[in-house]
Amino acid sequence: MTKAELIKKIAVLESVNDQIYSELYEVDRLMRLVGFEGGLETVKLTAQEIYQSGHVGEEGEENL
C-alpha cells in the first residue's frame, strides 16, 4: 500500500471508531436511564450472572 492509501485507510478506520464509540455511549446512556446504574458495565455483569446461574435458554449458550 502506498502512503496515501494508508492515510485514507486510517481516516476510514477513525470514522468507524467514532461511530462505534457514539453508539456505545448512547447505549450506555440509555441503560443508565432504564435503571442500570453503572451503564453497560452493569448490564454486562448482570448478563454474566444470569448466564452462570443457568437462566439462559439452550439456544444462546453456544454463542457466548
PDB file of N, CA and C in Angstrom:
ATOM      1  N   MET A   1       0.835  -1.184   0.000  1.00  0.00           N
ATOM      2  CA  MET A   1       0.000   0.000   0.000  1.00  0.00           C
ATOM      3  C   MET A   1       0.879   1.247   0.000  1.00  0.00           C
ATOM      4  N   THR A   2       0.410   2.224  -0.703  1.00  0.00           N
ATOM      5  CA  THR A   2       1.142   3.487  -0.725  1.00  0.00           C
ATOM      6  C   THR A   2       0.819   4.285   0.539  1.00  0.00           C
ATOM      7  N   LYS A   3       1.609   5.302   0.762  1.00  0.00           N
ATOM      8  CA  LYS A   3       1.385   6.155   1.926  1.00  0.00           C
ATOM      9  C   LYS A   3       0.002   6.804   1.856  1.00  0.00           C
ATOM     10  N   ALA A   4      -0.401   7.247   0.675  1.00  0.00           N
ATOM     11  CA  ALA A   4      -1.710   7.883   0.505  1.00  0.00           C
ATOM     12  C   ALA A   4      -2.842   6.903   0.818  1.00  0.00           C
ATOM     13  N   GLU A   5      -2.677   5.648   0.383  1.00  0.00           N
ATOM     14  CA  GLU A   5      -3.698   4.631   0.651  1.00  0.00           C
ATOM     15  C   GLU A   5      -3.793   4.339   2.148  1.00  0.00           C
ATOM     16  N   LEU A   6      -2.647   4.294   2.796  1.00  0.00           N
ATOM     17  CA  LEU A   6      -2.633   4.060   4.237  1.00  0.00           C
ATOM     18  C   LEU A   6      -3.294   5.204   5.000  1.00  0.00           C
ATOM     19  N   ILE A   7      -3.021   6.418   4.571  1.00  0.00           N
ATOM     20  CA  ILE A   7      -3.631   7.591   5.211  1.00  0.00           C
ATOM     21  C   ILE A   7      -5.144   7.557   5.032  1.00  0.00           C
ATOM     22  N   LYS A   8      -5.597   7.186   3.829  1.00  0.00           N
ATOM     23  CA  LYS A   8      -7.034   7.093   3.565  1.00  0.00           C
ATOM     24  C   LYS A   8      -7.663   5.996   4.426  1.00  0.00           C
ATOM     25  N   LYS A   9      -6.987   4.866   4.537  1.00  0.00           N
ATOM     26  CA  LYS A   9      -7.499   3.759   5.346  1.00  0.00           C
ATOM     27  C   LYS A   9      -7.580   4.163   6.817  1.00  0.00           C
ATOM     28  N   ILE A  10      -6.583   4.873   7.302  1.00  0.00           N
ATOM     29  CA  ILE A  10      -6.597   5.357   8.682  1.00  0.00           C
ATOM     30  C   ILE A  10      -7.794   6.275   8.904  1.00  0.00           C
ATOM     31  N   ALA A  11      -8.060   7.155   7.953  1.00  0.00           N
ATOM     32  CA  ALA A  11      -9.196   8.071   8.071  1.00  0.00           C
ATOM     33  C   ALA A  11     -10.512   7.298   8.149  1.00  0.00           C
ATOM     34  N   VAL A  12     -10.643   6.259   7.330  1.00  0.00           N
ATOM     35  CA  VAL A  12     -11.857   5.435   7.349  1.00  0.00           C
ATOM     36  C   VAL A  12     -11.990   4.742   8.705  1.00  0.00           C
ATOM     37  N   LEU A  13     -10.899   4.169   9.192  1.00  0.00           N
ATOM     38  CA  LEU A  13     -10.926   3.479  10.481  1.00  0.00           C
ATOM     39  C   LEU A  13     -11.237   4.433  11.631  1.00  0.00           C
ATOM     40  N   GLU A  14     -10.717   5.645  11.574  1.00  0.00           N
ATOM     41  CA  GLU A  14     -11.026   6.641  12.602  1.00  0.00           C
ATOM     42  C   GLU A  14     -12.506   6.995  12.581  1.00  0.00           C
ATOM     43  N   SER A  15     -13.080   7.090  11.395  1.00  0.00           N
ATOM     44  CA  SER A  15     -14.503   7.382  11.260  1.00  0.00           C
ATOM     45  C   SER A  15     -15.350   6.249  11.835  1.00  0.00           C
ATOM     46  N   VAL A  16     -14.987   5.020  11.509  1.00  0.00           N
ATOM     47  CA  VAL A  16     -15.704   3.858  12.040  1.00  0.00           C
ATOM     48  C   VAL A  16     -15.581   3.822  13.561  1.00  0.00           C
ATOM     49  N   ASN A  17     -14.397   4.083  14.071  1.00  0.00           N
ATOM     50  CA  ASN A  17     -14.182   4.113  15.512  1.00  0.00           C
ATOM     51  C   ASN A  17     -15.072   5.167  16.172  1.00  0.00           C
ATOM     52  N   ASP A  18     -15.167   6.340  15.579  1.00  0.00           N
ATOM     53  CA  ASP A  18     -16.022   7.398  16.118  1.00  0.00           C
ATOM     54  C   ASP A  18     -17.484   6.963  16.145  1.00  0.00           C
ATOM     55  N   GLN A  19     -17.938   6.300  15.086  1.00  0.00           N
ATOM     56  CA  GLN A  19     -19.326   5.830  15.019  1.00  0.00           C
ATOM     57  C   GLN A  19     -19.596   4.788  16.102  1.00  0.00           C
ATOM     58  N   ILE A  20     -18.684   3.842  16.253  1.00  0.00           N
ATOM     59  CA  ILE A  20     -18.852   2.800  17.267  1.00  0.00           C
ATOM     60  C   ILE A  20     -18.853   3.415  18.662  1.00  0.00           C
ATOM     61  N   TYR A  21     -17.948   4.339  18.914  1.00  0.00           N
ATOM     62  CA  TYR A  21     -17.895   4.998  20.216  1.00  0.00           C
ATOM     63  C   TYR A  21     -19.209   5.729  20.498  1.00  0.00           C
ATOM     64  N   SER A  22     -19.738   6.426  19.492  1.00  0.00           N
ATOM     65  CA  SER A  22     -21.003   7.146  19.666  1.00  0.00           C
ATOM     66  C   SER A  22     -22.141   6.192  20.001  1.00  0.00           C
ATOM     67  N   GLU A  23     -22.195   5.059  19.319  1.00  0.00           N
ATOM     68  CA  GLU A  23     -23.233   4.060  19.582  1.00  0.00           C
ATOM     69  C   GLU A  23     -23.094   3.490  20.994  1.00  0.00           C
ATOM     70  N   LEU A  24     -21.879   3.151  21.392  1.00  0.00           N
ATOM     71  CA  LEU A  24     -21.658   2.622  22.740  1.00  0.00           C
ATOM     72  C   LEU A  24     -22.042   3.646  23.806  1.00  0.00           C
ATOM     73  N   TYR A  25     -21.679   4.887  23.577  1.00  0.00           N
ATOM     74  CA  TYR A  25     -22.016   5.952  24.516  1.00  0.00           C
ATOM     75  C   TYR A  25     -23.535   6.075  24.650  1.00  0.00           C
ATOM     76  N   GLU A  26     -24.246   6.014  23.521  1.00  0.00           N
ATOM     77  CA  GLU A  26     -25.707   6.143  23.535  1.00  0.00           C
ATOM     78  C   GLU A  26     -26.355   4.953  24.245  1.00  0.00           C
ATOM     79  N   VAL A  27     -25.887   3.741  23.977  1.00  0.00           N
ATOM     80  CA  VAL A  27     -26.435   2.560  24.649  1.00  0.00           C
ATOM     81  C   VAL A  27     -26.149   2.639  26.149  1.00  0.00           C
ATOM     82  N   ASP A  28     -24.957   3.055  26.521  1.00  0.00           N
ATOM     83  CA  ASP A  28     -24.614   3.213  27.933  1.00  0.00           C
ATOM     84  C   ASP A  28     -25.552   4.216  28.595  1.00  0.00           C
ATOM     85  N   ARG A  29     -25.789   5.324  27.940  1.00  0.00           N
ATOM     86  CA  ARG A  29     -26.682   6.363  28.471  1.00  0.00           C
ATOM     87  C   ARG A  29     -28.096   5.815  28.656  1.00  0.00           C
ATOM     88  N   LEU A  30     -28.590   5.092  27.649  1.00  0.00           N
ATOM     89  CA  LEU A  30     -29.937   4.527  27.729  1.00  0.00           C
ATOM     90  C   LEU A  30     -30.049   3.489  28.844  1.00  0.00           C
ATOM     91  N   MET A  31     -29.030   2.675  29.006  1.00  0.00           N
ATOM     92  CA  MET A  31     -29.056   1.666  30.074  1.00  0.00           C
ATOM     93  C   MET A  31     -29.102   2.328  31.445  1.00  0.00           C
ATOM     94  N   ARG A  32     -28.407   3.440  31.594  1.00  0.00           N
ATOM     95  CA  ARG A  32     -28.454   4.174  32.861  1.00  0.00           C
ATOM     96  C   ARG A  32     -29.849   4.755  33.090  1.00  0.00           C
ATOM     97  N   LEU A  33     -30.492   5.236  32.022  1.00  0.00           N
ATOM     98  CA  LEU A  33     -31.839   5.799  32.140  1.00  0.00           C
ATOM     99  C   LEU A  33     -32.872   4.762  32.554  1.00  0.00           C
ATOM    100  N   VAL A  34     -32.690   3.509  32.133  1.00  0.00           N
ATOM    101  CA  VAL A  34     -33.673   2.473  32.470  1.00  0.00           C
ATOM    102  C   VAL A  34     -33.321   1.715  33.749  1.00  0.00           C
ATOM    103  N   GLY A  35     -32.292   2.168  34.459  1.00  0.00           N
ATOM    104  CA  GLY A  35     -32.050   1.618  35.781  1.00  0.00           C
ATOM    105  C   GLY A  35     -30.754   0.872  36.008  1.00  0.00           C
ATOM    106  N   PHE A  36     -29.939   0.710  34.985  1.00  0.00           N
ATOM    107  CA  PHE A  36     -28.638   0.079  35.188  1.00  0.00           C
ATOM    108  C   PHE A  36     -27.661   1.175  35.606  1.00  0.00           C
ATOM    109  N   GLU A  37     -27.476   1.303  36.911  1.00  0.00           N
ATOM    110  CA  GLU A  37     -26.722   2.422  37.476  1.00  0.00           C
ATOM    111  C   GLU A  37     -25.330   2.587  36.874  1.00  0.00           C
ATOM    112  N   GLY A  38     -24.657   1.477  36.595  1.00  0.00           N
ATOM    113  CA  GLY A  38     -23.308   1.528  36.036  1.00  0.00           C
ATOM    114  C   GLY A  38     -23.277   1.437  34.524  1.00  0.00           C
ATOM    115  N   GLY A  39     -24.419   1.597  33.874  1.00  0.00           N
ATOM    116  CA  GLY A  39     -24.467   1.549  32.415  1.00  0.00           C
ATOM    117  C   GLY A  39     -24.128   0.180  31.862  1.00  0.00           C
ATOM    118  N   LEU A  40     -23.386   0.165  30.778  1.00  0.00           N
ATOM    119  CA  LEU A  40     -23.055  -1.089  30.103  1.00  0.00           C
ATOM    120  C   LEU A  40     -22.287  -2.056  30.990  1.00  0.00           C
ATOM    121  N   GLU A  41     -21.464  -1.550  31.864  1.00  0.00           N
ATOM    122  CA  GLU A  41     -20.716  -2.439  32.760  1.00  0.00           C
ATOM    123  C   GLU A  41     -21.680  -3.231  33.633  1.00  0.00           C
ATOM    124  N   THR A  42     -22.723  -2.561  34.147  1.00  0.00           N
ATOM    125  CA  THR A  42     -23.719  -3.244  34.962  1.00  0.00           C
ATOM    126  C   THR A  42     -24.518  -4.234  34.127  1.00  0.00           C
ATOM    127  N   VAL A  43     -24.850  -3.869  32.901  1.00  0.00           N
ATOM    128  CA  VAL A  43     -25.567  -4.780  32.003  1.00  0.00           C
ATOM    129  C   VAL A  43     -24.730  -6.032  31.769  1.00  0.00           C
ATOM    130  N   LYS A  44     -23.456  -5.847  31.521  1.00  0.00           N
ATOM    131  CA  LYS A  44     -22.553  -6.971  31.268  1.00  0.00           C
ATOM    132  C   LYS A  44     -22.480  -7.898  32.483  1.00  0.00           C
ATOM    133  N   LEU A  45     -22.319  -7.326  33.664  1.00  0.00           N
ATOM    134  CA  LEU A  45     -22.252  -8.135  34.882  1.00  0.00           C
ATOM    135  C   LEU A  45     -23.559  -8.886  35.124  1.00  0.00           C
ATOM    136  N   THR A  46     -24.684  -8.214  34.885  1.00  0.00           N
ATOM    137  CA  THR A  46     -25.988  -8.848  35.057  1.00  0.00           C
ATOM    138  C   THR A  46     -26.158 -10.008  34.091  1.00  0.00           C
ATOM    139  N   ALA A  47     -25.778  -9.807  32.846  1.00  0.00           N
ATOM    140  CA  ALA A  47     -25.877 -10.874  31.845  1.00  0.00           C
ATOM    141  C   ALA A  47     -25.002 -12.062  32.228  1.00  0.00           C
ATOM    142  N   GLN A  48     -23.804 -11.795  32.727  1.00  0.00           N
ATOM    143  CA  GLN A  48     -22.914 -12.882  33.150  1.00  0.00           C
ATOM    144  C   GLN A  48     -23.510 -13.659  34.318  1.00  0.00           C
ATOM    145  N   GLU A  49     -24.111 -12.947  35.269  1.00  0.00           N
ATOM    146  CA  GLU A  49     -24.732 -13.613  36.415  1.00  0.00           C
ATOM    147  C   GLU A  49     -25.904 -14.479  35.977  1.00  0.00           C
ATOM    148  N   ILE A  50     -26.732 -13.966  35.077  1.00  0.00           N
ATOM    149  CA  ILE A  50     -27.866 -14.740  34.570  1.00  0.00           C
ATOM    150  C   ILE A  50     -27.372 -15.984  33.853  1.00  0.00           C
ATOM    151  N   TYR A  51     -26.375 -15.824  33.030  1.00  0.00           N
ATOM    152  CA  TYR A  51     -25.831 -16.963  32.287  1.00  0.00           C
ATOM    153  C   TYR A  51     -25.263 -18.015  33.238  1.00  0.00           C
ATOM    154  N   GLN A  52     -24.489 -17.566  34.208  1.00  0.00           N
ATOM    155  CA  GLN A  52     -23.850 -18.500  35.136  1.00  0.00           C
ATOM    156  C   GLN A  52     -24.852 -19.199  36.050  1.00  0.00           C
ATOM    157  N   SER A  53     -25.989 -18.557  36.295  1.00  0.00           N
ATOM    158  CA  SER A  53     -26.990 -19.181  37.163  1.00  0.00           C
ATOM    159  C   SER A  53     -27.889 -20.135  36.383  1.00  0.00           C
ATOM    160  N   GLY A  54     -27.677 -20.236  35.077  1.00  0.00           N
ATOM    161  CA  GLY A  54     -28.412 -21.204  34.273  1.00  0.00           C
ATOM    162  C   GLY A  54     -29.773 -20.750  33.799  1.00  0.00           C
ATOM    163  N   HIS A  55     -30.038 -19.454  33.809  1.00  0.00           N
ATOM    164  CA  HIS A  55     -31.329 -18.943  33.362  1.00  0.00           C
ATOM    165  C   HIS A  55     -31.376 -18.613  31.876  1.00  0.00           C
ATOM    166  N   VAL A  56     -30.326 -18.927  31.154  1.00  0.00           N
ATOM    167  CA  VAL A  56     -30.307 -18.660  29.717  1.00  0.00           C
ATOM    168  C   VAL A  56     -30.720 -19.936  29.007  1.00  0.00           C
ATOM    169  N   GLY A  57     -31.559 -19.804  27.987  1.00  0.00           N
ATOM    170  CA  GLY A  57     -32.001 -20.966  27.229  1.00  0.00           C
ATOM    171  C   GLY A  57     -30.870 -21.605  26.454  1.00  0.00           C
ATOM    172  N   GLU A  58     -31.102 -22.803  25.991  1.00  0.00           N
ATOM    173  CA  GLU A  58     -30.088 -23.574  25.268  1.00  0.00           C
ATOM    174  C   GLU A  58     -29.607 -22.871  24.004  1.00  0.00           C
ATOM    175  N   GLU A  59     -30.473 -22.128  23.334  1.00  0.00           N
ATOM    176  CA  GLU A  59     -30.118 -21.514  22.049  1.00  0.00           C
ATOM    177  C   GLU A  59     -28.973 -20.524  22.167  1.00  0.00           C
ATOM    178  N   GLY A  60     -28.971 -19.679  23.198  1.00  0.00           N
ATOM    179  CA  GLY A  60     -27.984 -18.617  23.315  1.00  0.00           C
ATOM    180  C   GLY A  60     -26.643 -19.048  23.866  1.00  0.00           C
ATOM    181  N   GLU A  61     -26.563 -20.226  24.433  1.00  0.00           N
ATOM    182  CA  GLU A  61     -25.343 -20.627  25.117  1.00  0.00           C
ATOM    183  C   GLU A  61     -24.159 -20.834  24.189  1.00  0.00           C
ATOM    184  N   GLU A  62     -24.387 -21.335  22.993  1.00  0.00           N
ATOM    185  CA  GLU A  62     -23.284 -21.606  22.075  1.00  0.00           C
ATOM    186  C   GLU A  62     -22.552 -20.342  21.658  1.00  0.00           C
ATOM    187  N   ASN A  63     -23.259 -19.239  21.550  1.00  0.00           N
ATOM    188  CA  ASN A  63     -22.678 -18.001  21.048  1.00  0.00           C
ATOM    189  C   ASN A  63     -21.898 -17.236  22.105  1.00  0.00           C
ATOM    190  N   LEU A  64     -21.997 -17.620  23.362  1.00  0.00           N
ATOM    191  CA  LEU A  64     -21.315 -16.870  24.416  1.00  0.00           C
ATOM    192  C   LEU A  64     -19.988 -17.403  24.645  1.00  0.00           C
TER     193      LEU A  64
END
